[in-house]
Structures are given as C-alpha cells and as structure tokens.
Protein backbone atom coordinates (compact mmCIF):
# COMPACT_ATOMS: atom_id res chain seq x y z
CA LEU A 1 -31.59 16.27 -48.83
CA CYS A 2 -28.35 18.25 -48.92
CA ASN A 3 -26.87 16.37 -45.98
CA GLY A 4 -27.72 13.07 -47.66
CA ILE A 5 -25.82 14.18 -50.75
CA LEU A 6 -22.89 15.34 -48.62
CA ALA A 7 -22.97 12.03 -46.75
CA GLY A 8 -22.61 10.14 -50.03
CA LEU A 9 -19.73 12.33 -51.13
CA VAL A 10 -17.94 11.99 -47.79
CA SER A 11 -18.46 8.22 -47.97
CA ILE A 12 -16.59 7.85 -51.25
CA THR A 13 -13.76 10.27 -50.52
CA ALA A 14 -11.42 7.79 -48.79
CA GLY A 15 -11.59 5.25 -51.60
CA CYS A 16 -12.03 7.49 -54.63
CA ALA A 17 -8.74 6.45 -56.22
CA ASN A 18 -9.31 2.70 -56.04
CA MET A 19 -13.08 2.19 -56.38
CA GLU A 20 -14.90 1.35 -59.55
CA CYS A 21 -17.90 3.51 -60.47
CA GLY A 22 -20.51 1.02 -59.31
CA SER A 23 -18.71 0.47 -56.02
CA ALA A 24 -18.50 4.21 -55.42
CA PHE A 25 -22.23 4.52 -56.10
CA ALA A 26 -22.98 1.68 -53.66
CA ALA A 27 -20.71 3.19 -50.98
CA GLY A 28 -22.37 6.58 -51.39
CA LEU A 29 -25.85 5.06 -51.23
CA ILE A 30 -24.98 3.12 -48.09
CA GLY A 31 -23.45 6.33 -46.71
CA ALA A 32 -26.81 8.07 -47.07
CA PHE A 33 -28.38 5.38 -44.90
CA VAL A 34 -25.50 5.62 -42.42
CA TYR A 35 -26.17 9.36 -42.21
CA GLN A 36 -29.89 8.89 -41.66
CA GLY A 37 -29.37 6.24 -38.98
CA SER A 38 -26.70 8.18 -37.13
CA SER A 39 -28.76 11.39 -37.27
CA MET A 40 -31.72 9.57 -35.75
CA LEU A 41 -29.43 8.03 -33.13
CA LEU A 42 -28.17 11.45 -32.05
CA VAL A 43 -31.75 12.72 -31.74
CA LYS A 44 -32.70 9.66 -29.69
CA LEU A 45 -29.69 10.15 -27.41
CA LYS A 46 -30.61 13.85 -27.12
CA ILE A 47 -27.24 15.01 -28.42
CA ASP A 48 -27.52 18.48 -29.92
CA ASP A 49 -26.03 18.74 -33.40
CA PRO A 50 -28.17 21.31 -35.25
CA VAL A 51 -26.41 21.03 -38.61
CA ASP A 52 -25.75 17.25 -38.43
CA ALA A 53 -22.02 17.71 -38.87
CA SER A 54 -21.17 14.63 -36.79
CA PRO A 55 -23.35 12.23 -38.80
CA VAL A 56 -22.16 13.62 -42.13
CA HIS A 57 -18.44 13.90 -41.45
CA GLY A 58 -17.87 11.60 -38.48
CA PHE A 59 -20.09 8.59 -39.08
CA CYS A 60 -20.00 8.72 -42.88
CA GLY A 61 -16.26 9.40 -42.84
CA ALA A 62 -15.75 6.27 -40.73
CA TRP A 63 -17.97 4.32 -43.13
CA GLY A 64 -15.94 5.69 -46.04
CA VAL A 65 -12.71 4.37 -44.54
CA LEU A 66 -14.31 0.94 -44.14
CA ALA A 67 -15.83 1.14 -47.64
CA ALA A 68 -12.40 1.87 -49.12
CA ALA A 69 -11.26 -1.51 -47.82
CA PHE A 70 -14.50 -3.37 -48.63
CA PHE A 71 -14.75 -2.15 -52.23
CA ASP A 72 -11.06 -2.33 -53.16
CA TRP A 73 -10.80 -5.20 -55.63
CA GLY A 74 -7.17 -6.03 -54.81
CA LYS A 75 -5.47 -4.94 -58.02
CA GLY A 76 -2.37 -3.69 -56.20
CA VAL A 77 -0.91 -0.32 -55.25
CA ASP A 78 -0.03 0.60 -58.85
CA TYR A 79 -3.68 0.43 -60.01
CA PHE A 80 -5.76 3.59 -59.73
CA ASN A 81 -9.04 4.82 -61.19
CA GLY A 82 -8.77 8.42 -62.18
CA SER A 83 -6.31 11.27 -61.66
CA GLY A 84 -6.02 11.96 -65.38
CA TRP A 85 -2.29 11.24 -65.62
CA SER A 86 -1.09 7.98 -67.06
CA CYS A 87 2.45 8.11 -65.71
CA LYS A 88 5.28 10.22 -64.37
CA ALA A 89 8.29 10.40 -66.65
CA ALA A 90 11.82 10.20 -65.32
CA GLU A 91 14.01 13.28 -65.77
CA GLY A 92 15.45 13.37 -69.25
CA SER A 93 13.35 10.40 -70.36
CA THR A 94 9.89 9.71 -71.74
CA ALA A 95 9.60 6.31 -70.02
CA CYS A 96 7.17 5.94 -67.13
CA ILE A 97 8.43 5.42 -63.60
CA GLY A 98 6.71 2.45 -61.94
CA GLY A 99 6.13 1.61 -58.33
CA ILE A 100 5.70 3.93 -55.38
CA GLY A 101 5.79 7.57 -56.44
CA GLY A 102 5.70 6.70 -60.10
CA THR A 103 2.33 6.32 -61.73
CA MET A 104 0.23 8.84 -59.83
CA ILE A 105 2.45 11.79 -58.91
C-alpha cells in the first residue's frame, strides 16, 4: 500500500508544475499500475529488490517523465499550476517580469 502511494507521488513529481489536477490524478493512478507491473516483473526475473526501490523510483520516475509530456496541455513556458507566487517584480518596480526567470522565481 505504501509503495503504491509513493509510486503515485513519484509519478507526478516531474510534471507537477504544468499538470492540471485531473491529469496529475490520472498520472498517479497509472503510476500505481506501473509500480505493480514492474514489481511483478522483477520477481519473475528473480531480481532481488526487497524494498521495491527500483519499481517505485526507477520505473515510476521514468513514467513520470513521460507523463509530464503526455499531460502537458501546451499552454507555453509561462503557464504554471501552483507555486503560490503570481510574479517576480523587477528591482525598484511593482511590475511583473515576464518570460524566462520572471513568473516563477
């Protein structure tokens, strides 16, 4: 149970800034199945991994990188979900800096 939860969390880590809530839930749910399948594969191949670190971090991490691309809805590099900050102000100004290094730092 705990590794399934960790697998879901690892699966959404790569795309957490650009996934919508439903997409993150779907990626985490698929990650749980990726974990289960990869854990069973390691047992079948007789590869010893007593704490299932490879399925959780390796296989689900790889799925998370793919999921970040699959579930990104193409709104551009200036669009992010989260972080809590709306913009970064220029020195001596209250206006937001746009573009790279502007809206999320």
